[in-house]
Amino acid sequence: MVKRSIRTVAIAAGITLVGVGTAVALSTSASATIVGGATLSPASGGIDTLISAGSSGPCAAPAVKVRAIARGFGFPATANGQIIYAPTTVNFSTVSPMLLPLSNSFRVYAQNNGNTALVGAYDVRIQCVNSLGSVIFDEFQNTMTWTTPGNSFANIDSATFTSSPTVVVPPTTAPPTTTPPTTTAPPTTAPPVAPPVKVASPSLVGTVRVGSTLACRTGSWTGATALSIRWLRNGVAITGGTRSTYRLSSLDYLKFVSCRVTASNAGGAVAASTSALRVGAGIFVNTRAPYLTGTARVGRTLTAVRGSWSPVPRLYSYQWLRNGSAISRATRSTYVTSRTDRGKNISVRVTVKATGYSTTFRTSKAVRVS
């Protein structure tokens, strides 16, 4: 085996951890050896994309932990920039390539750095380190390019990225000067690659009701070079459900929704699913209360304006009230006041319905009939 050259990075005393997924203030005296490329899965996406970083090879001794960093515009101006995968033994390997599921989206990293816009090239590296994370032995590199409209955090929802791994070209050697042997050595074959191994199971995050969005956490894997996601409804694949998040619709009401993660490499593919969760009814949000128009006098017509709701209901119904009690057969959107209403307070109760949502009502302010 060819021994890798090792150049260490010394971290100054007084390390301050700002928080999970945030930068660590470090000072370095040298740069480590870039021994291969890093791939990002997916290779392109947006500000809320959940990303996994994969190395083209394993770490070499004496490294005992792995971490990942990103350096670029808006991130800390230190040698180690923004920590995006804290030093850990989870997913660390000295025998096969590593896959690191980043714990946060880049929206979180942008917010943690003063709501910075993400602009231009970012140097993303997977680093093989010692137990304290104070010495870097080898690195795997990727260039991530971000585009934010207007270069402003106000447009961060529209930010997108692409990525490309660094290609490491091995050094060339001069041809041998000795005469080659007359016998030919038998061809060698590479050992078979083992399929990925699941370390931690996938899981769902979010509120399980119509109108809410669920996120699929891919879990942890060793030996995986790519991860894919498939959302399931009662065990059947949902059309178009291949992203890390899924918005629950009325089609999911009272159904069981889960997420299946497939990890793959040259040796094969392995799948694991989250628990299936039953989807409950969504909740209407009344953004503007119902109100009445018209003149509150005997014999005049009052009209109910149903207000504003999110999402838009499929059905509205009305019940007019006199001093808070239902008026018999007064269930239209208009009501003609009578002598019985003189001196009374008239209001209307608007009820909204839609498939997959809980029936909800709001009552308007009352008007006094003269």
Protein backbone atom coordinates (compact mmCIF):
# COMPACT_ATOMS: atom_id res chain seq x y z
CA MET A 1 0.00 0.00 0.00
CA VAL A 2 1.30 3.47 -0.87
CA LYS A 3 1.80 5.52 2.25
CA ARG A 4 0.05 8.90 2.16
CA SER A 5 2.00 12.03 2.96
CA ILE A 6 0.64 13.70 6.08
CA ARG A 7 0.78 17.43 6.74
CA THR A 8 -0.94 18.44 9.96
CA VAL A 9 -3.03 21.46 10.77
CA ALA A 10 -2.52 22.77 14.29
CA ILE A 11 -5.53 24.31 15.95
CA ALA A 12 -4.82 27.13 18.38
CA ALA A 13 -5.90 26.84 22.01
CA GLY A 14 -9.26 28.23 23.11
CA ILE A 15 -11.65 26.46 20.73
CA THR A 16 -15.18 27.91 21.04
CA LEU A 17 -18.15 25.82 19.86
CA VAL A 18 -20.91 28.22 18.77
CA GLY A 19 -23.54 25.51 18.29
CA VAL A 20 -24.54 22.51 16.21
CA GLY A 21 -23.75 23.11 12.56
CA THR A 22 -22.13 26.53 13.23
CA ALA A 23 -18.57 27.63 12.72
CA VAL A 24 -15.67 26.95 15.12
CA ALA A 25 -13.10 29.68 15.55
CA LEU A 26 -9.80 28.01 14.54
CA SER A 27 -6.32 29.07 13.45
CA THR A 28 -4.17 26.86 11.23
CA SER A 29 -0.47 26.70 10.45
CA ALA A 30 -0.56 24.52 7.32
CA SER A 31 -2.96 22.84 4.89
CA ALA A 32 -3.58 19.09 4.72
CA THR A 33 -3.15 16.85 1.67
CA ILE A 34 -6.08 16.66 -0.76
CA VAL A 35 -6.14 12.96 -1.61
CA GLY A 36 -9.38 12.76 -3.57
CA GLY A 37 -12.68 14.31 -4.55
CA ALA A 38 -15.91 14.68 -2.59
CA THR A 39 -19.37 14.29 -4.12
CA LEU A 40 -22.57 16.00 -2.96
CA SER A 41 -25.89 14.15 -3.18
CA PRO A 42 -27.89 15.64 -4.76
CA ALA A 43 -25.31 17.42 -6.94
CA SER A 44 -27.62 20.41 -7.35
CA GLY A 45 -30.58 21.86 -5.50
CA GLY A 46 -31.90 24.74 -3.44
CA ILE A 47 -31.60 26.44 -0.07
CA ASP A 48 -33.61 23.75 1.84
CA THR A 49 -32.11 20.70 0.10
CA LEU A 50 -30.83 18.07 2.57
CA ILE A 51 -27.34 17.17 1.37
CA SER A 52 -25.03 14.18 1.93
CA ALA A 53 -21.29 14.54 1.29
CA GLY A 54 -19.41 11.45 0.09
CA SER A 55 -15.64 10.85 -0.08
CA SER A 56 -13.93 9.09 -2.97
CA GLY A 57 -11.98 6.94 -0.53
CA PRO A 58 -11.49 6.07 3.16
CA CYS A 59 -9.44 7.87 5.78
CA ALA A 60 -5.95 6.58 6.54
CA ALA A 61 -4.36 6.01 9.95
CA PRO A 62 -3.71 7.72 12.29
CA ALA A 63 -7.02 9.57 11.65
CA VAL A 64 -9.84 8.41 13.96
CA LYS A 65 -12.67 10.86 13.16
CA VAL A 66 -14.19 12.61 10.15
CA ARG A 67 -15.73 16.06 9.72
CA ALA A 68 -16.79 18.41 6.89
CA ILE A 69 -16.35 22.16 6.41
CA ALA A 70 -17.37 24.83 3.90
CA ARG A 71 -15.53 28.07 3.08
CA GLY A 72 -16.89 30.92 0.98
CA PHE A 73 -18.70 34.25 0.89
CA GLY A 74 -20.46 35.14 4.17
CA PHE A 75 -18.95 32.22 6.14
CA PRO A 76 -16.33 32.77 8.89
CA ALA A 77 -13.03 34.04 7.47
CA THR A 78 -10.99 31.34 9.21
CA ALA A 79 -9.07 28.43 7.74
CA ASN A 80 -11.88 26.09 8.74
CA GLY A 81 -14.82 28.34 7.76
CA GLN A 82 -18.24 26.83 8.57
CA ILE A 83 -18.40 23.40 10.23
CA ILE A 84 -21.16 21.45 8.39
CA TYR A 85 -20.45 18.01 9.93
CA ALA A 86 -18.87 18.08 13.40
CA PRO A 87 -15.90 15.75 14.14
CA THR A 88 -17.26 12.28 14.99
CA THR A 89 -16.63 8.57 14.59
CA VAL A 90 -20.12 8.15 13.05
CA ASN A 91 -19.71 7.20 9.35
CA PHE A 92 -15.89 7.29 9.76
CA SER A 93 -14.08 4.49 7.87
CA THR A 94 -10.53 3.40 7.06
CA VAL A 95 -11.64 0.71 4.62
CA SER A 96 -14.34 2.21 2.37
CA PRO A 97 -15.62 5.58 1.11
CA MET A 98 -17.67 7.59 3.60
CA LEU A 99 -21.08 9.26 3.32
CA LEU A 100 -21.89 12.12 5.70
CA PRO A 101 -25.55 13.33 5.89
CA LEU A 102 -25.30 17.03 6.78
CA SER A 103 -27.40 17.83 9.86
CA ASN A 104 -28.73 21.13 8.47
CA SER A 105 -29.68 22.76 5.18
CA PHE A 106 -27.62 25.70 3.89
CA ARG A 107 -30.49 28.01 4.89
CA VAL A 108 -29.53 27.33 8.54
CA TYR A 109 -25.84 28.03 7.85
CA ALA A 110 -26.75 31.30 6.10
CA GLN A 111 -28.98 32.34 9.03
CA ASN A 112 -26.28 31.41 11.58
CA ASN A 113 -23.86 33.72 9.76
CA GLY A 114 -25.91 36.90 10.01
CA ASN A 115 -28.46 36.07 7.26
CA THR A 116 -25.79 36.12 4.58
CA ALA A 117 -26.58 35.59 0.91
CA LEU A 118 -24.92 32.54 -0.69
CA VAL A 119 -22.89 33.78 -3.66
CA GLY A 120 -20.19 32.18 -5.84
CA ALA A 121 -17.86 29.24 -5.22
CA TYR A 122 -17.65 27.49 -1.83
CA ASP A 123 -14.80 25.14 -0.96
CA VAL A 124 -16.38 22.02 0.65
CA ARG A 125 -14.01 19.50 2.24
CA ILE A 126 -14.32 16.19 4.06
CA GLN A 127 -11.43 16.01 6.55
CA CYS A 128 -9.80 13.05 8.31
CA VAL A 129 -8.80 14.28 11.80
CA ASN A 130 -7.46 13.12 15.16
CA SER A 131 -9.66 12.48 18.22
CA LEU A 132 -9.78 16.18 19.20
CA GLY A 133 -10.27 17.43 15.66
CA SER A 134 -7.09 19.48 16.10
CA VAL A 135 -4.98 17.75 13.42
CA ILE A 136 -6.06 17.26 9.79
CA PHE A 137 -4.38 14.37 7.92
CA ASP A 138 -6.15 14.00 4.57
CA GLU A 139 -8.93 15.88 2.75
CA PHE A 140 -11.49 15.18 0.01
CA GLN A 141 -12.60 18.31 -1.89
CA ASN A 142 -15.67 19.56 -3.78
CA THR A 143 -16.52 22.97 -5.25
CA MET A 144 -20.09 24.12 -4.58
CA THR A 145 -21.35 27.10 -6.62
CA TRP A 146 -24.29 29.13 -5.25
CA THR A 147 -26.47 31.62 -7.09
CA THR A 148 -28.78 33.98 -5.15
CA PRO A 149 -30.87 36.50 -7.16
CA GLY A 150 -29.62 40.01 -6.48
CA ASN A 151 -26.97 38.57 -4.13
CA SER A 152 -29.38 39.34 -1.27
CA PHE A 153 -30.61 37.24 1.66
CA ALA A 154 -34.10 38.60 0.92
CA ASN A 155 -34.09 36.29 -2.13
CA ILE A 156 -32.60 33.28 -0.31
CA ASP A 157 -35.71 31.16 -1.08
CA SER A 158 -34.68 31.27 -4.76
CA ALA A 159 -31.01 30.38 -4.15
CA THR A 160 -29.69 27.36 -6.09
CA PHE A 161 -26.43 25.42 -6.19
CA THR A 162 -24.41 23.10 -8.39
CA SER A 163 -21.36 21.10 -7.36
CA SER A 164 -18.36 19.28 -8.80
CA PRO A 165 -15.75 17.09 -7.08
CA THR A 166 -12.05 17.89 -7.28
CA VAL A 167 -10.16 15.56 -9.61
CA VAL A 168 -6.84 14.48 -8.11
CA VAL A 169 -4.28 13.44 -10.73
CA PRO A 170 -1.70 10.96 -9.40
CA PRO A 171 1.95 11.87 -9.98
CA THR A 172 3.54 10.44 -13.13
CA THR A 173 6.62 8.22 -12.94
CA ALA A 174 9.36 7.69 -15.47
CA PRO A 175 9.23 4.39 -17.38
CA PRO A 176 11.51 1.69 -15.99
CA THR A 177 14.93 1.40 -17.57
CA THR A 178 15.31 -2.32 -16.90
CA THR A 179 14.25 -4.98 -19.35
CA PRO A 180 10.81 -6.33 -18.44
CA PRO A 181 10.63 -9.99 -17.49
CA THR A 182 9.74 -12.44 -20.20
CA THR A 183 6.93 -13.94 -18.14
CA THR A 184 3.61 -12.17 -17.73
CA ALA A 185 2.12 -11.89 -14.25
CA PRO A 186 -1.44 -13.15 -13.92
CA PRO A 187 -4.03 -10.35 -14.03
CA THR A 188 -5.24 -9.07 -10.69
CA THR A 189 -8.86 -8.45 -9.91
CA ALA A 190 -10.16 -5.88 -7.46
CA PRO A 191 -11.95 -7.32 -4.42
CA PRO A 192 -15.76 -7.06 -4.60
CA VAL A 193 -17.33 -3.95 -3.07
CA ALA A 194 -19.67 -4.62 -0.17
CA PRO A 195 -23.14 -3.04 -0.36
CA PRO A 196 -23.85 -0.07 1.97
CA VAL A 197 -24.59 -0.76 5.64
CA LYS A 198 -27.27 1.10 7.60
CA VAL A 199 -26.02 2.68 10.84
CA ALA A 200 -29.10 4.72 11.83
CA SER A 201 -32.64 4.33 10.45
CA PRO A 202 -34.42 7.03 8.43
CA SER A 203 -37.09 9.07 10.23
CA LEU A 204 -39.89 11.60 9.58
CA VAL A 205 -39.99 15.13 10.99
CA GLY A 206 -43.07 17.39 10.98
CA THR A 207 -46.77 17.52 11.82
CA VAL A 208 -48.73 14.64 10.28
CA ARG A 209 -51.87 16.39 9.05
CA VAL A 210 -53.24 17.59 5.72
CA GLY A 211 -51.60 20.85 4.59
CA SER A 212 -48.41 20.32 6.61
CA THR A 213 -44.97 19.41 5.22
CA LEU A 214 -43.00 16.35 6.33
CA ALA A 215 -39.20 16.03 6.01
CA CYS A 216 -37.44 12.69 5.46
CA ARG A 217 -34.19 12.32 7.41
CA THR A 218 -32.08 9.77 5.53
CA GLY A 219 -30.40 8.23 8.60
CA SER A 220 -26.72 7.19 8.58
CA TRP A 221 -24.94 4.76 6.22
CA THR A 222 -21.42 3.44 5.66
CA GLY A 223 -20.09 2.66 2.21
CA ALA A 224 -22.89 4.48 0.34
CA THR A 225 -22.03 6.69 -2.63
CA ALA A 226 -25.61 7.83 -3.39
CA LEU A 227 -28.93 8.14 -1.55
CA SER A 228 -32.42 8.35 -3.08
CA ILE A 229 -35.81 9.05 -1.49
CA ARG A 230 -39.28 7.71 -2.32
CA TRP A 231 -42.46 8.75 -0.46
CA LEU A 232 -45.13 6.05 0.06
CA ARG A 233 -48.89 6.19 0.72
CA ASN A 234 -50.18 2.94 2.27
CA GLY A 235 -46.99 1.32 0.98
CA VAL A 236 -47.45 2.48 -2.64
CA ALA A 237 -45.08 4.99 -4.28
CA ILE A 238 -46.49 8.53 -4.55
CA THR A 239 -46.13 10.05 -8.02
CA GLY A 240 -43.41 12.71 -7.97
CA GLY A 241 -42.57 12.00 -4.30
CA THR A 242 -38.78 11.86 -4.60
CA ARG A 243 -37.66 14.98 -2.72
CA SER A 244 -36.53 15.28 0.87
CA THR A 245 -39.80 17.01 1.83
CA TYR A 246 -43.45 16.21 1.05
CA ARG A 247 -46.56 18.36 1.54
CA LEU A 248 -49.54 16.30 2.73
CA SER A 249 -52.72 16.71 0.64
CA SER A 250 -56.34 15.66 0.97
CA LEU A 251 -55.38 12.46 -0.91
CA ASP A 252 -53.33 11.47 2.16
CA TYR A 253 -56.16 12.00 4.68
CA LEU A 254 -56.50 8.95 6.99
CA LYS A 255 -53.81 7.15 4.93
CA PHE A 256 -50.42 5.95 6.23
CA VAL A 257 -47.44 7.90 4.84
CA SER A 258 -43.79 6.83 5.04
CA CYS A 259 -40.44 7.51 3.38
CA ARG A 260 -38.11 4.88 1.87
CA VAL A 261 -34.39 5.66 1.58
CA THR A 262 -32.20 3.63 -0.80
CA ALA A 263 -28.41 3.70 -0.34
CA SER A 264 -26.27 2.42 -3.21
CA ASN A 265 -22.69 1.89 -4.37
CA ALA A 266 -20.85 -0.33 -6.86
CA GLY A 267 -21.65 -3.36 -4.70
CA GLY A 268 -25.43 -2.94 -4.75
CA ALA A 269 -28.32 -1.10 -3.13
CA VAL A 270 -29.95 -1.34 0.31
CA ALA A 271 -33.32 0.21 1.27
CA ALA A 272 -34.77 1.20 4.65
CA SER A 273 -38.12 2.83 5.45
CA THR A 274 -39.41 5.09 8.20
CA SER A 275 -42.39 4.16 10.34
CA ALA A 276 -45.71 4.72 8.53
CA LEU A 277 -47.72 7.54 10.15
CA ARG A 278 -51.47 8.09 9.78
CA VAL A 279 -52.39 11.51 8.38
CA GLY A 280 -54.90 13.56 10.38
CA ALA A 281 -57.27 16.34 9.33
CA GLY A 282 -55.86 19.71 8.35
CA ILE A 283 -56.83 22.98 10.05
CA PHE A 284 -58.36 26.01 8.37
CA VAL A 285 -56.82 29.37 9.26
CA ASN A 286 -59.19 32.36 9.24
CA THR A 287 -57.14 35.35 8.08
CA ARG A 288 -60.10 37.78 7.99
CA ALA A 289 -63.25 37.32 10.07
CA PRO A 290 -66.71 37.28 8.46
CA TYR A 291 -68.59 40.61 8.59
CA LEU A 292 -71.93 42.16 7.66
CA THR A 293 -72.86 44.80 5.08
CA GLY A 294 -76.15 46.67 4.71
CA THR A 295 -78.34 48.91 6.88
CA ALA A 296 -79.39 47.50 10.26
CA ARG A 297 -83.03 48.66 10.13
CA VAL A 298 -86.27 46.70 10.15
CA GLY A 299 -87.15 45.57 6.64
CA ARG A 300 -83.65 46.09 5.24
CA THR A 301 -81.35 43.36 3.90
CA LEU A 302 -78.10 42.39 5.61
CA THR A 303 -75.45 40.51 3.61
CA ALA A 304 -72.83 38.16 5.06
CA VAL A 305 -69.27 38.49 3.72
CA ARG A 306 -67.61 35.15 4.50
CA GLY A 307 -64.11 36.51 5.23
CA SER A 308 -60.78 34.99 4.15
CA TRP A 309 -59.58 31.44 4.84
CA SER A 310 -56.45 29.40 4.18
CA PRO A 311 -56.64 27.07 2.39
CA VAL A 312 -59.70 28.09 0.36
CA PRO A 313 -62.70 26.00 1.58
CA ARG A 314 -64.80 23.95 -0.85
CA LEU A 315 -68.08 24.67 0.97
CA TYR A 316 -69.51 27.61 2.97
CA SER A 317 -72.71 27.60 5.02
CA TYR A 318 -74.48 30.35 6.98
CA GLN A 319 -76.58 30.62 10.12
CA TRP A 320 -78.01 33.98 11.18
CA LEU A 321 -78.21 34.67 14.93
CA ARG A 322 -80.45 36.91 17.03
CA ASN A 323 -78.81 37.80 20.33
CA GLY A 324 -76.56 34.76 19.81
CA SER A 325 -79.39 32.26 19.14
CA ALA A 326 -80.07 30.68 15.74
CA ILE A 327 -82.91 32.22 13.72
CA SER A 328 -85.14 29.54 12.22
CA ARG A 329 -84.62 28.97 8.46
CA ALA A 330 -82.16 31.89 8.20
CA THR A 331 -79.38 29.99 6.41
CA ARG A 332 -78.69 32.04 3.30
CA SER A 333 -75.94 34.58 2.77
CA THR A 334 -78.52 37.39 3.08
CA TYR A 335 -81.14 38.15 5.73
CA VAL A 336 -84.09 40.57 5.70
CA THR A 337 -84.67 41.98 9.18
CA SER A 338 -88.17 41.92 10.69
CA ARG A 339 -89.97 43.72 13.51
CA THR A 340 -88.91 40.84 15.78
CA ASP A 341 -85.31 41.98 15.29
CA ARG A 342 -85.92 45.58 16.44
CA GLY A 343 -83.55 46.36 19.30
CA LYS A 344 -81.83 42.98 18.92
CA ASN A 345 -78.22 42.14 17.99
CA ILE A 346 -77.95 40.32 14.64
CA SER A 347 -74.84 38.37 13.55
CA VAL A 348 -73.98 35.50 11.20
CA ARG A 349 -71.99 32.31 11.77
CA VAL A 350 -70.00 31.12 8.72
CA THR A 351 -68.99 27.43 8.61
CA VAL A 352 -66.32 26.14 6.19
CA LYS A 353 -65.64 22.58 4.98
CA ALA A 354 -63.21 20.74 2.67
CA THR A 355 -62.10 17.13 2.22
CA GLY A 356 -59.31 16.30 4.65
CA TYR A 357 -59.89 19.37 6.85
CA SER A 358 -61.69 19.79 10.16
CA THR A 359 -64.99 21.68 9.86
CA THR A 360 -64.50 25.17 11.29
CA PHE A 361 -66.69 28.24 11.88
CA ARG A 362 -66.33 31.93 12.77
CA THR A 363 -69.04 34.39 13.83
CA SER A 364 -69.20 37.99 12.63
CA LYS A 365 -69.55 41.02 14.89
CA ALA A 366 -73.18 41.75 15.67
CA VAL A 367 -75.15 44.84 14.53
CA ARG A 368 -78.10 46.27 16.48
CA VAL A 369 -81.32 46.65 14.48
CA SER A 370 -83.20 49.89 14.84
